[in-house]
Each structure stands twice: as C-alpha cells, then as structure tokens.
Amino acid sequence: MNYTRAQLKYRLQIGAGTLMFTGALISTVFSTLKMLHWRLDSYTAMASTINRPIQQFTLMVSENTRALDWFWDNSPTPDFLRLSNASHWKFLLIYLLIFVGAALFASGRTLMRKVEAVEPLIEAQLNAPVEDGVPARTLQQLEDSTLVEAAPSFFSQTRLLVVWPLGGAAVYLGLLWMLRII
C-alpha cells in the first residue's frame, strides 16, 4: 500500500481502537460495579462488614460520574449464576471488545511506525537534486508512489485476542469467587 493510504489506515485503526477500548472498558467497569451493588448480600454480620465498603464505593462512583450516565444506564449487569441470561452474554461481548480495541490500536501503532520509517526516504527524494531532463516530483507524487511495508494482520495478534481475555477472565472470576459473589 502507498504512503497516503497507510497514513489513513493507521489513523483510523488507532482512533477506532481507542474509542472501542475506552467505551468497552468503561462499560465493563460499570457493569461490574452494578453487579457488585446488587449481588452482595448482607445476611450475616461478617458479610455486612465486608460488603458495606464495596456498596458505598459503588454508590460514590455512581454519584460522581453523572457525565457517564449513558454507560450506567446501558451497561448490562452480568449474572454468573444464570448463564442463559441475555445481559450476561452482552457483558461478555463488551468485555471482548476491550481486547479487540486494544488489538486495533496495536495494529495501528505498528503501521504508524512503518510509515514513520518511510518519511525520511520521501524527504530525501524531495530534496535530492533534479537531473537534467527529468521533471521534479511533487510531495504528493512521492507519497503516492512510495510503498509502505504491510503490517502484520489484525488476527495475528494471538496474545491480545486470546491469551489476555482468558487470563483477565480467570482473574476476574477468581476475585468474584473470593468475594463469594459466584
């Protein structure tokens, strides 16, 4: 692909990855806080002592993030006890979007580094002395004719798309199990 297309592609990938990662992360955190608020029960004095600070923290975050009410209203609350619940599967999809956004961002950054490596070559060709009888090339012509090495495909990022989601899920479920939520 040429320099101009590579620039557009990496900018779109970084922008889309950032938006997807940020939105999915906020939604996942709010979903978890909503689940903690509703799933923590206080049947015993010990459970009440442990759960009260968590529920107070959840209420404090909810009150101090009014600008993010859209996320509070639309983030699905997971239910790890009833896996057939639709909101549970929506939560898992949003959780996976965190890693898809991170992979998009990483792919865009890789392509950006390749584009930045080509920029000195374009600059050198632009400033090179013009030979007799050969017309000078404009910056746009140089950018359109300079090829950028292709970055690895989005799907080749096994670590970001498979290992990190599974590891994160194991830690997440381990914490919920330790808190006796599941």
C-alpha atoms as a PDB file:
ATOM      1  CA  MET A   1       0.000   0.000   0.000  1.00  0.00           C
ATOM      2  CA  ASN A   2       1.208   3.508  -0.647  1.00  0.00           C
ATOM      3  CA  TYR A   3       2.227   6.088   1.945  1.00  0.00           C
ATOM      4  CA  THR A   4      -1.032   8.091   1.805  1.00  0.00           C
ATOM      5  CA  ARG A   5      -3.263   5.021   2.282  1.00  0.00           C
ATOM      6  CA  ALA A   6      -1.032   3.715   5.073  1.00  0.00           C
ATOM      7  CA  GLN A   7      -1.337   7.059   6.898  1.00  0.00           C
ATOM      8  CA  LEU A   8      -5.136   6.994   6.626  1.00  0.00           C
ATOM      9  CA  LYS A   9      -5.307   3.343   7.676  1.00  0.00           C
ATOM     10  CA  TYR A  10      -3.163   3.735  10.800  1.00  0.00           C
ATOM     11  CA  ARG A  11      -5.072   6.849  11.883  1.00  0.00           C
ATOM     12  CA  LEU A  12      -8.408   5.063  11.500  1.00  0.00           C
ATOM     13  CA  GLN A  13      -7.154   1.983  13.342  1.00  0.00           C
ATOM     14  CA  ILE A  14      -5.738   3.988  16.240  1.00  0.00           C
ATOM     15  CA  GLY A  15      -8.895   6.114  16.506  1.00  0.00           C
ATOM     16  CA  ALA A  16     -11.311   3.182  16.277  1.00  0.00           C
ATOM     17  CA  GLY A  17      -9.208   1.090  18.655  1.00  0.00           C
ATOM     18  CA  THR A  18      -9.054   3.891  21.221  1.00  0.00           C
ATOM     19  CA  LEU A  19     -12.810   4.527  21.085  1.00  0.00           C
ATOM     20  CA  MET A  20     -13.661   0.825  21.239  1.00  0.00           C
ATOM     21  CA  PHE A  21     -11.221   0.107  24.073  1.00  0.00           C
ATOM     22  CA  THR A  22     -12.285   3.103  26.163  1.00  0.00           C
ATOM     23  CA  GLY A  23     -16.016   2.571  25.729  1.00  0.00           C
ATOM     24  CA  ALA A  24     -15.833  -1.160  26.403  1.00  0.00           C
ATOM     25  CA  LEU A  25     -13.595  -0.678  29.446  1.00  0.00           C
ATOM     26  CA  ILE A  26     -15.923   1.930  30.981  1.00  0.00           C
ATOM     27  CA  SER A  27     -18.951  -0.262  30.292  1.00  0.00           C
ATOM     28  CA  THR A  28     -17.249  -3.335  31.787  1.00  0.00           C
ATOM     29  CA  VAL A  29     -16.240  -1.459  34.941  1.00  0.00           C
ATOM     30  CA  PHE A  30     -19.739  -0.041  35.371  1.00  0.00           C
ATOM     31  CA  SER A  31     -21.306  -3.453  34.736  1.00  0.00           C
ATOM     32  CA  THR A  32     -19.086  -4.947  37.421  1.00  0.00           C
ATOM     33  CA  LEU A  33     -19.956  -2.181  39.876  1.00  0.00           C
ATOM     34  CA  LYS A  34     -23.668  -2.654  39.176  1.00  0.00           C
ATOM     35  CA  MET A  35     -23.278  -6.401  39.732  1.00  0.00           C
ATOM     36  CA  LEU A  36     -21.397  -5.829  42.984  1.00  0.00           C
ATOM     37  CA  HIS A  37     -24.050  -3.433  44.203  1.00  0.00           C
ATOM     38  CA  TRP A  38     -26.932  -5.823  43.533  1.00  0.00           C
ATOM     39  CA  ARG A  39     -25.281  -9.194  44.178  1.00  0.00           C
ATOM     40  CA  LEU A  40     -23.609  -8.501  47.504  1.00  0.00           C
ATOM     41  CA  ASP A  41     -25.910  -9.618  50.273  1.00  0.00           C
ATOM     42  CA  SER A  42     -25.586  -8.895  53.956  1.00  0.00           C
ATOM     43  CA  TYR A  43     -27.163 -11.903  55.639  1.00  0.00           C
ATOM     44  CA  THR A  44     -24.526 -12.137  58.342  1.00  0.00           C
ATOM     45  CA  ALA A  45     -22.619  -9.543  60.358  1.00  0.00           C
ATOM     46  CA  MET A  46     -19.354 -10.616  58.723  1.00  0.00           C
ATOM     47  CA  ALA A  47     -20.785 -10.321  55.198  1.00  0.00           C
ATOM     48  CA  SER A  48     -22.281  -6.950  56.061  1.00  0.00           C
ATOM     49  CA  THR A  49     -18.878  -5.714  57.290  1.00  0.00           C
ATOM     50  CA  ILE A  50     -17.161  -6.810  54.099  1.00  0.00           C
ATOM     51  CA  ASN A  51     -19.871  -5.689  51.692  1.00  0.00           C
ATOM     52  CA  ARG A  52     -20.697  -2.258  53.116  1.00  0.00           C
ATOM     53  CA  PRO A  53     -17.499  -0.523  51.861  1.00  0.00           C
ATOM     54  CA  ILE A  54     -17.916  -2.082  48.406  1.00  0.00           C
ATOM     55  CA  GLN A  55     -21.513  -0.894  48.144  1.00  0.00           C
ATOM     56  CA  GLN A  56     -20.578   2.573  49.429  1.00  0.00           C
ATOM     57  CA  PHE A  57     -17.774   2.752  46.858  1.00  0.00           C
ATOM     58  CA  THR A  58     -20.217   1.771  44.105  1.00  0.00           C
ATOM     59  CA  LEU A  59     -22.669   4.471  45.150  1.00  0.00           C
ATOM     60  CA  MET A  60     -19.876   7.069  45.363  1.00  0.00           C
ATOM     61  CA  VAL A  61     -18.655   6.220  41.846  1.00  0.00           C
ATOM     62  CA  SER A  62     -22.216   6.358  40.528  1.00  0.00           C
ATOM     63  CA  GLU A  63     -22.847   9.779  42.069  1.00  0.00           C
ATOM     64  CA  ASN A  64     -19.526  11.257  40.876  1.00  0.00           C
ATOM     65  CA  THR A  65     -19.749  10.075  37.269  1.00  0.00           C
ATOM     66  CA  ARG A  66     -23.003  11.696  36.178  1.00  0.00           C
ATOM     67  CA  ALA A  67     -21.397  12.684  32.876  1.00  0.00           C
ATOM     68  CA  LEU A  68     -21.242   8.972  32.084  1.00  0.00           C
ATOM     69  CA  ASP A  69     -24.911   8.231  32.818  1.00  0.00           C
ATOM     70  CA  TRP A  70     -25.340   6.709  29.368  1.00  0.00           C
ATOM     71  CA  PHE A  71     -22.897   3.954  30.364  1.00  0.00           C
ATOM     72  CA  TRP A  72     -24.623   3.443  33.719  1.00  0.00           C
ATOM     73  CA  ASP A  73     -27.994   3.071  32.014  1.00  0.00           C
ATOM     74  CA  ASN A  74     -26.885   0.839  29.132  1.00  0.00           C
ATOM     75  CA  SER A  75     -24.167  -1.361  30.636  1.00  0.00           C
ATOM     76  CA  PRO A  76     -25.541  -4.894  31.075  1.00  0.00           C
ATOM     77  CA  THR A  77     -25.329  -6.462  34.511  1.00  0.00           C
ATOM     78  CA  PRO A  78     -23.708  -9.901  34.280  1.00  0.00           C
ATOM     79  CA  ASP A  79     -25.232 -12.865  36.069  1.00  0.00           C
ATOM     80  CA  PHE A  80     -22.696 -15.641  36.526  1.00  0.00           C
ATOM     81  CA  LEU A  81     -25.280 -17.861  38.212  1.00  0.00           C
ATOM     82  CA  ARG A  82     -27.721 -17.897  35.275  1.00  0.00           C
ATOM     83  CA  LEU A  83     -25.606 -18.068  32.128  1.00  0.00           C
ATOM     84  CA  SER A  84     -28.633 -18.115  29.819  1.00  0.00           C
ATOM     85  CA  ASN A  85     -29.435 -14.519  30.775  1.00  0.00           C
ATOM     86  CA  ALA A  86     -29.090 -12.227  27.712  1.00  0.00           C
ATOM     87  CA  SER A  87     -27.424  -9.430  29.679  1.00  0.00           C
ATOM     88  CA  HIS A  88     -24.674 -11.847  30.714  1.00  0.00           C
ATOM     89  CA  TRP A  89     -23.794 -12.547  27.071  1.00  0.00           C
ATOM     90  CA  LYS A  90     -23.901  -8.825  26.251  1.00  0.00           C
ATOM     91  CA  PHE A  91     -21.448  -8.267  29.096  1.00  0.00           C
ATOM     92  CA  LEU A  92     -19.094 -10.933  27.688  1.00  0.00           C
ATOM     93  CA  LEU A  93     -19.280  -9.366  24.222  1.00  0.00           C
ATOM     94  CA  ILE A  94     -18.440  -5.925  25.627  1.00  0.00           C
ATOM     95  CA  TYR A  95     -15.594  -7.484  27.640  1.00  0.00           C
ATOM     96  CA  LEU A  96     -14.153  -8.983  24.448  1.00  0.00           C
ATOM     97  CA  LEU A  97     -14.437  -5.598  22.700  1.00  0.00           C
ATOM     98  CA  ILE A  98     -11.816  -4.286  25.145  1.00  0.00           C
ATOM     99  CA  PHE A  99      -9.267  -6.619  23.588  1.00  0.00           C
ATOM    100  CA  VAL A 100     -10.445  -6.095  20.014  1.00  0.00           C
ATOM    101  CA  GLY A 101      -9.975  -2.346  20.554  1.00  0.00           C
ATOM    102  CA  ALA A 102      -6.519  -2.919  22.040  1.00  0.00           C
ATOM    103  CA  ALA A 103      -5.565  -5.117  19.070  1.00  0.00           C
ATOM    104  CA  LEU A 104      -6.786  -2.480  16.613  1.00  0.00           C
ATOM    105  CA  PHE A 105      -4.789   0.174  18.438  1.00  0.00           C
ATOM    106  CA  ALA A 106      -1.659  -2.007  18.463  1.00  0.00           C
ATOM    107  CA  SER A 107      -2.051  -2.776  14.758  1.00  0.00           C
ATOM    108  CA  GLY A 108      -2.397   0.936  14.006  1.00  0.00           C
ATOM    109  CA  ARG A 109       0.693   1.754  16.066  1.00  0.00           C
ATOM    110  CA  THR A 110       2.728  -0.871  14.205  1.00  0.00           C
ATOM    111  CA  LEU A 111       1.676   0.573  10.864  1.00  0.00           C
ATOM    112  CA  MET A 112       2.413   4.091  12.150  1.00  0.00           C
ATOM    113  CA  ARG A 113       5.997   3.072  12.951  1.00  0.00           C
ATOM    114  CA  LYS A 114       6.388   1.673   9.434  1.00  0.00           C
ATOM    115  CA  VAL A 115       5.041   4.918   7.943  1.00  0.00           C
ATOM    116  CA  GLU A 116       7.415   6.964  10.096  1.00  0.00           C
ATOM    117  CA  ALA A 117      10.329   4.846   8.831  1.00  0.00           C
ATOM    118  CA  VAL A 118       9.443   5.767   5.228  1.00  0.00           C
ATOM    119  CA  GLU A 119       9.123   9.537   5.877  1.00  0.00           C
ATOM    120  CA  PRO A 120      12.901  10.235   5.753  1.00  0.00           C
ATOM    121  CA  LEU A 121      13.090   8.481   2.359  1.00  0.00           C
ATOM    122  CA  ILE A 122      10.354  10.716   0.949  1.00  0.00           C
ATOM    123  CA  GLU A 123      12.055  13.780   2.401  1.00  0.00           C
ATOM    124  CA  ALA A 124      15.404  12.730   0.889  1.00  0.00           C
ATOM    125  CA  GLN A 125      13.834  12.211  -2.546  1.00  0.00           C
ATOM    126  CA  LEU A 126      12.094  15.584  -2.319  1.00  0.00           C
ATOM    127  CA  ASN A 127      15.351  17.376  -1.503  1.00  0.00           C
ATOM    128  CA  ALA A 128      17.527  15.427  -3.961  1.00  0.00           C
ATOM    129  CA  PRO A 129      18.975  17.411  -6.859  1.00  0.00           C
ATOM    130  CA  VAL A 130      16.973  17.118 -10.072  1.00  0.00           C
ATOM    131  CA  GLU A 131      18.769  15.573 -13.048  1.00  0.00           C
ATOM    132  CA  ASP A 132      18.683  17.291 -16.419  1.00  0.00           C
ATOM    133  CA  GLY A 133      15.637  16.347 -18.466  1.00  0.00           C
ATOM    134  CA  VAL A 134      13.853  14.618 -15.543  1.00  0.00           C
ATOM    135  CA  PRO A 135      10.916  16.592 -14.160  1.00  0.00           C
ATOM    136  CA  ALA A 136      10.881  17.264 -10.402  1.00  0.00           C
ATOM    137  CA  ARG A 137       8.335  15.234  -8.468  1.00  0.00           C
ATOM    138  CA  THR A 138       5.947  16.862  -6.041  1.00  0.00           C
ATOM    139  CA  LEU A 139       5.413  15.745  -2.473  1.00  0.00           C
ATOM    140  CA  GLN A 140       2.027  14.279  -3.389  1.00  0.00           C
ATOM    141  CA  GLN A 141       3.537  12.257  -6.239  1.00  0.00           C
ATOM    142  CA  LEU A 142       6.249  10.927  -3.939  1.00  0.00           C
ATOM    143  CA  GLU A 143       3.727   9.976  -1.249  1.00  0.00           C
ATOM    144  CA  ASP A 144       1.506   8.210  -3.767  1.00  0.00           C
ATOM    145  CA  SER A 145       4.392   6.256  -5.315  1.00  0.00           C
ATOM    146  CA  THR A 146       6.227   5.287  -2.113  1.00  0.00           C
ATOM    147  CA  LEU A 147       5.225   1.865  -0.833  1.00  0.00           C
ATOM    148  CA  VAL A 148       4.966   1.064   2.871  1.00  0.00           C
ATOM    149  CA  GLU A 149       5.672  -2.446   4.109  1.00  0.00           C
ATOM    150  CA  ALA A 150       2.477  -4.153   5.233  1.00  0.00           C
ATOM    151  CA  ALA A 151       1.978  -4.565   8.975  1.00  0.00           C
ATOM    152  CA  PRO A 152       1.046  -7.964  10.422  1.00  0.00           C
ATOM    153  CA  SER A 153      -2.641  -8.712  10.159  1.00  0.00           C
ATOM    154  CA  PHE A 154      -5.081  -7.835  12.918  1.00  0.00           C
ATOM    155  CA  PHE A 155      -5.874 -11.505  13.521  1.00  0.00           C
ATOM    156  CA  SER A 156      -2.224 -12.466  14.013  1.00  0.00           C
ATOM    157  CA  GLN A 157      -2.261 -10.840  17.440  1.00  0.00           C
ATOM    158  CA  THR A 158      -2.997 -14.033  19.340  1.00  0.00           C
ATOM    159  CA  ARG A 159      -1.742 -12.686  22.640  1.00  0.00           C
ATOM    160  CA  LEU A 160      -4.104  -9.687  22.615  1.00  0.00           C
ATOM    161  CA  LEU A 161      -7.095 -11.526  21.169  1.00  0.00           C
ATOM    162  CA  VAL A 162      -6.897 -14.855  23.036  1.00  0.00           C
ATOM    163  CA  VAL A 163      -4.405 -15.002  25.904  1.00  0.00           C
ATOM    164  CA  TRP A 164      -5.194 -11.665  27.579  1.00  0.00           C
ATOM    165  CA  PRO A 165      -9.020 -12.114  27.540  1.00  0.00           C
ATOM    166  CA  LEU A 166      -8.752 -15.610  29.020  1.00  0.00           C
ATOM    167  CA  GLY A 167      -6.212 -14.515  31.642  1.00  0.00           C
ATOM    168  CA  GLY A 168      -8.285 -11.458  32.532  1.00  0.00           C
ATOM    169  CA  ALA A 169     -11.429 -13.576  32.804  1.00  0.00           C
ATOM    170  CA  ALA A 170      -9.653 -16.043  35.099  1.00  0.00           C
ATOM    171  CA  VAL A 171      -8.500 -13.238  37.411  1.00  0.00           C
ATOM    172  CA  TYR A 172     -11.948 -11.567  37.293  1.00  0.00           C
ATOM    173  CA  LEU A 173     -13.792 -14.784  38.121  1.00  0.00           C
ATOM    174  CA  GLY A 174     -11.225 -15.631  40.816  1.00  0.00           C
ATOM    175  CA  LEU A 175     -11.865 -12.300  42.545  1.00  0.00           C
ATOM    176  CA  LEU A 176     -15.633 -12.770  42.329  1.00  0.00           C
ATOM    177  CA  TRP A 177     -15.262 -16.276  43.758  1.00  0.00           C
ATOM    178  CA  MET A 178     -13.104 -14.963  46.631  1.00  0.00           C
ATOM    179  CA  LEU A 179     -15.758 -12.332  47.401  1.00  0.00           C
ATOM    180  CA  ARG A 180     -18.359 -15.148  47.386  1.00  0.00           C
ATOM    181  CA  ILE A 181     -20.352 -13.467  44.621  1.00  0.00           C
ATOM    182  CA  ILE A 182     -20.339 -16.588  42.441  1.00  0.00           C
END
